[in-house]
C-alpha atoms as a PDB file:
ATOM      1  CA  MET A   1      56.537  82.781  44.270  1.00  0.00           C
ATOM      2  CA  ILE A   2      58.715  79.817  45.259  1.00  0.00           C
ATOM      3  CA  ASN A   3      61.842  79.204  43.278  1.00  0.00           C
ATOM      4  CA  HIS A   4      61.391  75.546  42.287  1.00  0.00           C
ATOM      5  CA  ASN A   5      65.054  75.006  41.321  1.00  0.00           C
ATOM      6  CA  MET A   6      66.284  76.279  44.689  1.00  0.00           C
ATOM      7  CA  PHE A   7      63.721  74.107  46.526  1.00  0.00           C
ATOM      8  CA  ARG A   8      64.708  71.023  44.523  1.00  0.00           C
ATOM      9  CA  ASN A   9      68.426  71.660  45.145  1.00  0.00           C
ATOM     10  CA  ASN A  10      67.806  71.975  48.885  1.00  0.00           C
ATOM     11  CA  ILE A  11      65.955  68.632  48.883  1.00  0.00           C
ATOM     12  CA  ILE A  12      68.835  66.976  46.999  1.00  0.00           C
ATOM     13  CA  TYR A  13      71.433  68.413  49.407  1.00  0.00           C
ATOM     14  CA  ALA A  14      69.420  67.240  52.409  1.00  0.00           C
ATOM     15  CA  ALA A  15      69.096  63.723  50.947  1.00  0.00           C
ATOM     16  CA  VAL A  16      72.838  63.491  50.230  1.00  0.00           C
ATOM     17  CA  LEU A  17      73.658  64.723  53.741  1.00  0.00           C
ATOM     18  CA  LEU A  18      71.267  62.177  55.279  1.00  0.00           C
ATOM     19  CA  MET A  19      72.798  59.320  53.251  1.00  0.00           C
ATOM     20  CA  ALA A  20      76.305  60.373  54.296  1.00  0.00           C
ATOM     21  CA  LEU A  21      75.347  60.427  57.965  1.00  0.00           C
ATOM     22  CA  VAL A  22      73.591  57.052  57.793  1.00  0.00           C
ATOM     23  CA  SER A  23      76.456  55.378  55.916  1.00  0.00           C
ATOM     24  CA  CYS A  24      78.938  56.494  58.589  1.00  0.00           C
ATOM     25  CA  ASP A  25      77.064  54.394  61.159  1.00  0.00           C
ATOM     26  CA  GLN A  26      77.506  51.032  59.429  1.00  0.00           C
ATOM     27  CA  ARG A  27      79.423  49.512  62.318  1.00  0.00           C
ATOM     28  CA  LYS A  28      79.709  45.772  62.624  1.00  0.00           C
ATOM     29  CA  LYS A  29      76.593  44.406  64.249  1.00  0.00           C
ATOM     30  CA  GLY A  30      76.545  41.168  66.158  1.00  0.00           C
ATOM     31  CA  ASN A  31      78.547  39.746  69.006  1.00  0.00           C
ATOM     32  CA  LYS A  32      80.173  42.609  70.894  1.00  0.00           C
ATOM     33  CA  SER A  33      81.773  40.460  73.599  1.00  0.00           C
ATOM     34  CA  LEU A  34      85.518  40.595  74.046  1.00  0.00           C
ATOM     35  CA  ASP A  35      87.673  37.611  73.201  1.00  0.00           C
ATOM     36  CA  SER A  36      89.503  36.920  76.436  1.00  0.00           C
ATOM     37  CA  ASN A  37      92.244  35.079  74.511  1.00  0.00           C
ATOM     38  CA  VAL A  38      93.502  38.305  72.909  1.00  0.00           C
ATOM     39  CA  ILE A  39      93.080  40.861  75.687  1.00  0.00           C
ATOM     40  CA  GLU A  40      96.343  42.484  76.698  1.00  0.00           C
ATOM     41  CA  THR A  41      96.954  43.221  80.354  1.00  0.00           C
ATOM     42  CA  ASP A  42      99.650  45.095  82.238  1.00  0.00           C
ATOM     43  CA  GLN A  43     100.564  42.036  84.258  1.00  0.00           C
ATOM     44  CA  ILE A  44     102.339  39.018  82.851  1.00  0.00           C
ATOM     45  CA  SER A  45     100.885  35.808  84.163  1.00  0.00           C
ATOM     46  CA  ASN A  46     103.039  32.759  84.737  1.00  0.00           C
ATOM     47  CA  LYS A  47     100.294  30.720  83.054  1.00  0.00           C
ATOM     48  CA  GLU A  48     100.681  32.011  79.497  1.00  0.00           C
ATOM     49  CA  PRO A  49     103.033  31.525  76.555  1.00  0.00           C
ATOM     50  CA  ILE A  50     106.016  33.844  76.207  1.00  0.00           C
ATOM     51  CA  ILE A  51     107.807  34.217  72.873  1.00  0.00           C
ATOM     52  CA  SER A  52     111.524  34.858  73.449  1.00  0.00           C
ATOM     53  CA  PHE A  53     113.598  35.645  70.353  1.00  0.00           C
ATOM     54  CA  ASP A  54     117.374  35.195  70.165  1.00  0.00           C
ATOM     55  CA  LYS A  55     117.407  38.477  68.165  1.00  0.00           C
ATOM     56  CA  LYS A  56     114.550  40.748  67.060  1.00  0.00           C
ATOM     57  CA  THR A  57     116.545  42.638  64.418  1.00  0.00           C
ATOM     58  CA  TRP A  58     118.719  41.521  61.521  1.00  0.00           C
ATOM     59  CA  ASP A  59     121.017  43.559  59.281  1.00  0.00           C
ATOM     60  CA  PHE A  60     121.734  41.966  55.894  1.00  0.00           C
ATOM     61  CA  GLY A  61     124.501  44.480  55.227  1.00  0.00           C
ATOM     62  CA  THR A  62     124.926  45.625  51.605  1.00  0.00           C
ATOM     63  CA  ILE A  63     123.373  43.792  48.662  1.00  0.00           C
ATOM     64  CA  VAL A  64     122.756  44.590  44.970  1.00  0.00           C
ATOM     65  CA  ASP A  65     119.346  45.537  43.557  1.00  0.00           C
ATOM     66  CA  GLY A  66     117.503  42.372  42.540  1.00  0.00           C
ATOM     67  CA  GLU A  67     119.067  40.044  45.113  1.00  0.00           C
ATOM     68  CA  LEU A  68     116.831  37.823  47.208  1.00  0.00           C
ATOM     69  CA  VAL A  69     118.001  37.331  50.813  1.00  0.00           C
ATOM     70  CA  GLU A  70     116.526  35.505  53.777  1.00  0.00           C
ATOM     71  CA  HIS A  71     117.020  35.263  57.512  1.00  0.00           C
ATOM     72  CA  THR A  72     115.602  32.900  60.116  1.00  0.00           C
ATOM     73  CA  PHE A  73     114.541  34.405  63.441  1.00  0.00           C
ATOM     74  CA  ARG A  74     114.728  31.727  66.159  1.00  0.00           C
ATOM     75  CA  PHE A  75     112.579  31.801  69.286  1.00  0.00           C
ATOM     76  CA  THR A  76     111.677  29.729  72.334  1.00  0.00           C
ATOM     77  CA  ASN A  77     108.348  29.461  74.127  1.00  0.00           C
ATOM     78  CA  THR A  78     109.551  30.333  77.640  1.00  0.00           C
ATOM     79  CA  GLY A  79     106.012  30.393  79.025  1.00  0.00           C
ATOM     80  CA  SER A  80     103.917  27.627  80.557  1.00  0.00           C
ATOM     81  CA  LYS A  81     101.196  27.240  77.875  1.00  0.00           C
ATOM     82  CA  ASP A  82     101.266  26.363  74.178  1.00  0.00           C
ATOM     83  CA  LEU A  83     102.307  29.282  71.955  1.00  0.00           C
ATOM     84  CA  VAL A  84     100.086  29.852  68.918  1.00  0.00           C
ATOM     85  CA  ILE A  85     101.198  32.348  66.279  1.00  0.00           C
ATOM     86  CA  SER A  86      98.087  33.495  64.445  1.00  0.00           C
ATOM     87  CA  SER A  87      99.852  35.637  61.838  1.00  0.00           C
ATOM     88  CA  ALA A  88     103.094  37.177  60.692  1.00  0.00           C
ATOM     89  CA  SER A  89     102.856  40.092  58.284  1.00  0.00           C
ATOM     90  CA  ALA A  90     105.351  42.492  56.787  1.00  0.00           C
ATOM     91  CA  SER A  91     105.118  46.201  56.103  1.00  0.00           C
ATOM     92  CA  CYS A  92     105.642  45.590  52.358  1.00  0.00           C
ATOM     93  CA  GLY A  93     105.007  42.902  49.759  1.00  0.00           C
ATOM     94  CA  CYS A  94     108.762  42.634  49.170  1.00  0.00           C
ATOM     95  CA  THR A  95     109.121  40.934  52.560  1.00  0.00           C
ATOM     96  CA  ILE A  96     107.553  37.509  53.095  1.00  0.00           C
ATOM     97  CA  PRO A  97     107.481  35.892  56.548  1.00  0.00           C
ATOM     98  CA  ASN A  98     106.869  32.164  57.030  1.00  0.00           C
ATOM     99  CA  TRP A  99     105.897  31.057  60.546  1.00  0.00           C
ATOM    100  CA  PRO A 100     104.962  27.769  62.255  1.00  0.00           C
ATOM    101  CA  LYS A 101     101.232  27.083  62.040  1.00  0.00           C
ATOM    102  CA  GLU A 102     101.198  24.420  64.771  1.00  0.00           C
ATOM    103  CA  PRO A 103     101.311  25.213  68.520  1.00  0.00           C
ATOM    104  CA  ILE A 104     104.749  25.454  70.128  1.00  0.00           C
ATOM    105  CA  ALA A 105     104.838  23.657  73.495  1.00  0.00           C
ATOM    106  CA  PRO A 106     106.450  25.280  76.551  1.00  0.00           C
ATOM    107  CA  GLY A 107     110.233  24.967  76.296  1.00  0.00           C
ATOM    108  CA  ASP A 108     110.135  24.159  72.579  1.00  0.00           C
ATOM    109  CA  LYS A 109     111.826  26.220  69.889  1.00  0.00           C
ATOM    110  CA  GLY A 110     110.496  27.598  66.616  1.00  0.00           C
ATOM    111  CA  GLU A 111     111.577  29.635  63.616  1.00  0.00           C
ATOM    112  CA  ILE A 112     110.193  32.468  61.531  1.00  0.00           C
ATOM    113  CA  LYS A 113     111.862  32.661  58.121  1.00  0.00           C
ATOM    114  CA  VAL A 114     111.809  36.093  56.448  1.00  0.00           C
ATOM    115  CA  GLU A 115     112.569  36.516  52.750  1.00  0.00           C
ATOM    116  CA  PHE A 116     113.365  39.966  51.304  1.00  0.00           C
ATOM    117  CA  ASN A 117     113.299  40.780  47.575  1.00  0.00           C
ATOM    118  CA  SER A 118     115.432  43.846  46.833  1.00  0.00           C
ATOM    119  CA  ASN A 119     114.159  44.277  43.269  1.00  0.00           C
ATOM    120  CA  GLY A 120     113.491  47.990  42.684  1.00  0.00           C
ATOM    121  CA  LYS A 121     114.754  49.047  46.114  1.00  0.00           C
ATOM    122  CA  LYS A 122     117.639  51.414  46.777  1.00  0.00           C
ATOM    123  CA  ASP A 123     119.675  52.811  49.649  1.00  0.00           C
ATOM    124  CA  LEU A 124     118.815  51.908  53.251  1.00  0.00           C
ATOM    125  CA  VAL A 125     115.667  49.781  53.566  1.00  0.00           C
ATOM    126  CA  THR A 126     114.061  48.888  56.892  1.00  0.00           C
ATOM    127  CA  LYS A 127     111.074  46.523  57.111  1.00  0.00           C
ATOM    128  CA  ASP A 128     108.984  45.528  60.124  1.00  0.00           C
ATOM    129  CA  ILE A 129     107.464  42.076  60.559  1.00  0.00           C
ATOM    130  CA  THR A 130     104.488  42.009  62.937  1.00  0.00           C
ATOM    131  CA  ILE A 131     103.899  38.767  64.821  1.00  0.00           C
ATOM    132  CA  LEU A 132     100.471  38.220  66.417  1.00  0.00           C
ATOM    133  CA  ALA A 133     100.263  35.436  68.981  1.00  0.00           C
ATOM    134  CA  ASN A 134      98.481  34.394  72.164  1.00  0.00           C
ATOM    135  CA  THR A 135     101.115  36.218  74.227  1.00  0.00           C
ATOM    136  CA  ASN A 136     101.090  39.334  76.366  1.00  0.00           C
ATOM    137  CA  PRO A 137     101.546  41.642  74.586  1.00  0.00           C
ATOM    138  CA  VAL A 138      99.770  40.126  71.587  1.00  0.00           C
ATOM    139  CA  LYS A 139     102.024  41.909  69.074  1.00  0.00           C
ATOM    140  CA  THR A 140     105.782  41.396  68.663  1.00  0.00           C
ATOM    141  CA  ILE A 141     107.790  43.363  66.081  1.00  0.00           C
ATOM    142  CA  LEU A 142     110.807  41.945  64.258  1.00  0.00           C
ATOM    143  CA  GLN A 143     112.888  44.124  61.956  1.00  0.00           C
ATOM    144  CA  ILE A 144     115.233  43.643  59.019  1.00  0.00           C
ATOM    145  CA  LYS A 145     117.625  46.227  57.585  1.00  0.00           C
ATOM    146  CA  VAL A 146     119.579  46.202  54.343  1.00  0.00           C
ATOM    147  CA  PHE A 147     121.469  48.648  52.149  1.00  0.00           C
ATOM    148  CA  VAL A 148     120.626  48.118  48.470  1.00  0.00           C
ATOM    149  CA  GLU A 149     123.085  49.291  45.798  1.00  0.00           C
ATOM    150  CA  LYS A 150     122.173  49.797  42.153  1.00  0.00           C
ATOM    151  CA  LYS A 151     123.353  47.198  39.651  1.00  0.00           C
ATOM    152  CA  SER A 152     126.519  48.202  37.815  1.00  0.00           C
END
């Protein structure tokens, strides 16, 4: 005689396993062509924008918990095409970058202002700011450092 509970459980397990396998294959369908504007190569062409920062790191020194500090990273487009920064994002919500949204012509300068809120932070804090642009490489990392002391 067939054990109906065991048979039903096996059917349920098989259905759950099938759903798990099918749901893992929900890749994005559609255009699978590569965007040639964002492909990184090993060679730097003389016909592309180049983002050259005066400094890529900034140390605020020592501040007190709750202080708001900011620094402006200055750069120049030393390439031969317009520089377009598509995004600037920080590794934490306490750090807010503000970048130029318009293209930067070859030879022109630009600024990325970074604001850091030390509220609730303590000791040595290091934050990365990731810049994505039409450069090679696409990603540039800026970094801020600060030592946060507790309020007295």
